[in-house]
């Protein structure tokens, strides 16, 4: 497998993150027609602005899985913060069903730097969100 490093004047890096995050109260927002497609478009826009490469992105009815590659200067909290802030603002404006929510996403998320995370790990995290607000 060829490794593609990100190179700047001062660093050479290979940093990849797996993220899983859920809508507030695990609402099944991706059952609303058009939300998933628009969420993916907005996430791609924001990642391009932040120089984050999306390696994989999937939406399930009540969570998002995102696998990205980033520069070391881009912090984990910056990645999650910018994606969730940008998508929440626009999706709540564009979709009437989401407009009454004060915020779209929970404050919590899962992140891992392992090469591979299993579907069981993703399911475990999402299930844990049943006990959180």
Protein backbone atom coordinates (compact mmCIF):
# COMPACT_ATOMS: atom_id res chain seq x y z
CA UNK A 1 0.00 0.00 0.00
CA UNK A 2 1.45 3.33 -1.06
CA UNK A 3 1.48 5.97 1.66
CA UNK A 4 0.68 9.47 0.51
CA UNK A 5 2.25 11.96 2.89
CA UNK A 6 1.14 15.55 3.27
CA UNK A 7 4.16 17.82 2.86
CA UNK A 8 4.64 21.44 3.86
CA UNK A 9 7.82 23.52 4.15
CA UNK A 10 8.38 22.22 7.68
CA UNK A 11 6.51 18.92 8.04
CA UNK A 12 5.90 15.62 6.37
CA UNK A 13 2.94 13.76 7.83
CA UNK A 14 0.42 11.01 7.43
CA UNK A 15 -2.43 11.75 9.83
CA UNK A 16 -5.80 10.08 9.40
CA UNK A 17 -8.81 10.26 11.68
CA UNK A 18 -11.98 8.19 11.91
CA UNK A 19 -14.91 10.23 13.28
CA UNK A 20 -18.40 9.20 14.29
CA UNK A 21 -20.91 11.81 15.42
CA UNK A 22 -24.65 11.87 15.99
CA UNK A 23 -27.52 14.32 15.71
CA UNK A 24 -28.81 15.64 19.01
CA UNK A 25 -31.04 13.07 20.73
CA UNK A 26 -30.06 10.65 17.96
CA UNK A 27 -32.79 12.03 15.76
CA UNK A 28 -33.08 10.14 12.50
CA UNK A 29 -32.41 13.20 10.35
CA UNK A 30 -31.10 11.24 7.39
CA UNK A 31 -34.55 9.79 6.77
CA UNK A 32 -35.62 13.30 5.68
CA UNK A 33 -35.43 13.51 1.89
CA UNK A 34 -32.34 15.40 0.74
CA UNK A 35 -30.62 15.81 4.12
CA UNK A 36 -27.96 13.15 3.54
CA UNK A 37 -26.98 14.46 0.12
CA UNK A 38 -26.85 18.06 1.34
CA UNK A 39 -24.89 17.06 4.47
CA UNK A 40 -22.27 15.38 2.28
CA UNK A 41 -22.04 18.40 -0.04
CA UNK A 42 -21.61 20.81 2.88
CA UNK A 43 -19.04 18.59 4.57
CA UNK A 44 -17.01 18.43 1.35
CA UNK A 45 -17.17 22.24 1.01
CA UNK A 46 -15.96 22.81 4.56
CA UNK A 47 -13.22 20.19 4.31
CA UNK A 48 -11.92 21.78 1.11
CA UNK A 49 -11.78 25.17 2.88
CA UNK A 50 -9.85 23.61 5.77
CA UNK A 51 -7.55 21.52 3.53
CA UNK A 52 -8.92 18.26 4.92
CA UNK A 53 -9.12 15.32 2.55
CA UNK A 54 -12.19 13.11 2.89
CA UNK A 55 -11.22 9.48 2.41
CA UNK A 56 -14.66 8.08 3.21
CA UNK A 57 -18.00 9.44 4.39
CA UNK A 58 -21.18 7.57 5.21
CA UNK A 59 -24.43 8.62 6.81
CA UNK A 60 -26.73 6.23 8.62
CA UNK A 61 -30.18 7.21 9.87
CA UNK A 62 -28.80 8.59 13.15
CA UNK A 63 -25.05 9.09 12.73
CA UNK A 64 -22.23 10.13 10.42
CA UNK A 65 -19.00 8.21 9.81
CA UNK A 66 -16.13 10.27 8.43
CA UNK A 67 -12.57 9.17 7.61
CA UNK A 68 -10.21 12.04 6.80
CA UNK A 69 -6.59 12.95 6.28
CA UNK A 70 -5.35 16.27 7.63
CA UNK A 71 -2.26 18.35 8.21
CA UNK A 72 -0.81 18.18 11.74
CA UNK A 73 -1.67 21.85 12.28
CA UNK A 74 -5.37 21.04 11.97
CA UNK A 75 -6.56 19.91 15.36
CA UNK A 76 -9.20 17.28 15.99
CA UNK A 77 -11.46 19.84 17.68
CA UNK A 78 -11.06 22.20 14.71
CA UNK A 79 -12.09 19.48 12.26
CA UNK A 80 -15.20 18.50 14.21
CA UNK A 81 -16.07 22.04 15.19
CA UNK A 82 -15.92 23.48 11.71
CA UNK A 83 -17.84 20.62 10.08
CA UNK A 84 -20.58 20.49 12.68
CA UNK A 85 -20.97 24.27 12.96
CA UNK A 86 -21.12 24.79 9.19
CA UNK A 87 -23.49 21.91 8.44
CA UNK A 88 -25.77 22.64 11.40
CA UNK A 89 -26.29 26.26 10.45
CA UNK A 90 -27.10 25.56 6.82
CA UNK A 91 -29.13 22.36 7.24
CA UNK A 92 -31.33 23.99 9.90
CA UNK A 93 -31.89 26.92 7.54
CA UNK A 94 -32.66 24.79 4.46
CA UNK A 95 -34.81 22.02 5.99
CA UNK A 96 -38.02 23.02 7.76
CA UNK A 97 -38.00 19.79 9.81
CA UNK A 98 -34.62 20.75 11.32
CA UNK A 99 -35.26 24.48 11.78
CA UNK A 100 -36.75 24.12 15.28
CA UNK A 101 -33.63 22.43 16.67
CA UNK A 102 -31.39 24.78 18.65
CA UNK A 103 -28.41 22.73 17.52
CA UNK A 104 -28.21 19.80 15.13
CA UNK A 105 -25.31 17.79 16.57
CA UNK A 106 -24.42 16.48 20.01
CA UNK A 107 -21.28 17.92 21.57
CA UNK A 108 -19.70 14.47 21.80
CA UNK A 109 -18.01 12.46 19.08
CA UNK A 110 -15.82 9.41 18.58
CA UNK A 111 -12.35 9.77 17.08
CA UNK A 112 -9.67 7.18 16.39
CA UNK A 113 -6.29 7.22 14.67
CA UNK A 114 -6.14 3.48 14.12
CA UNK A 115 -5.78 2.25 10.55
CA UNK A 116 -9.07 0.39 10.77
CA UNK A 117 -12.12 0.57 13.00
CA UNK A 118 -14.77 -2.09 12.88
CA UNK A 119 -18.45 -1.71 12.27
CA UNK A 120 -18.92 -3.09 15.79
CA UNK A 121 -16.94 -0.16 17.21
CA UNK A 122 -19.12 2.33 15.33
CA UNK A 123 -22.28 0.56 16.52
CA UNK A 124 -20.98 0.51 20.09
CA UNK A 125 -20.36 4.28 20.04
CA UNK A 126 -23.76 5.09 18.54
CA UNK A 127 -25.48 2.87 21.11
CA UNK A 128 -23.67 4.74 23.88
CA UNK A 129 -25.31 7.93 22.67
CA UNK A 130 -28.73 6.63 23.79
CA UNK A 131 -27.71 7.43 27.34
CA UNK A 132 -26.48 10.94 26.50
CA UNK A 133 -28.29 14.15 25.50
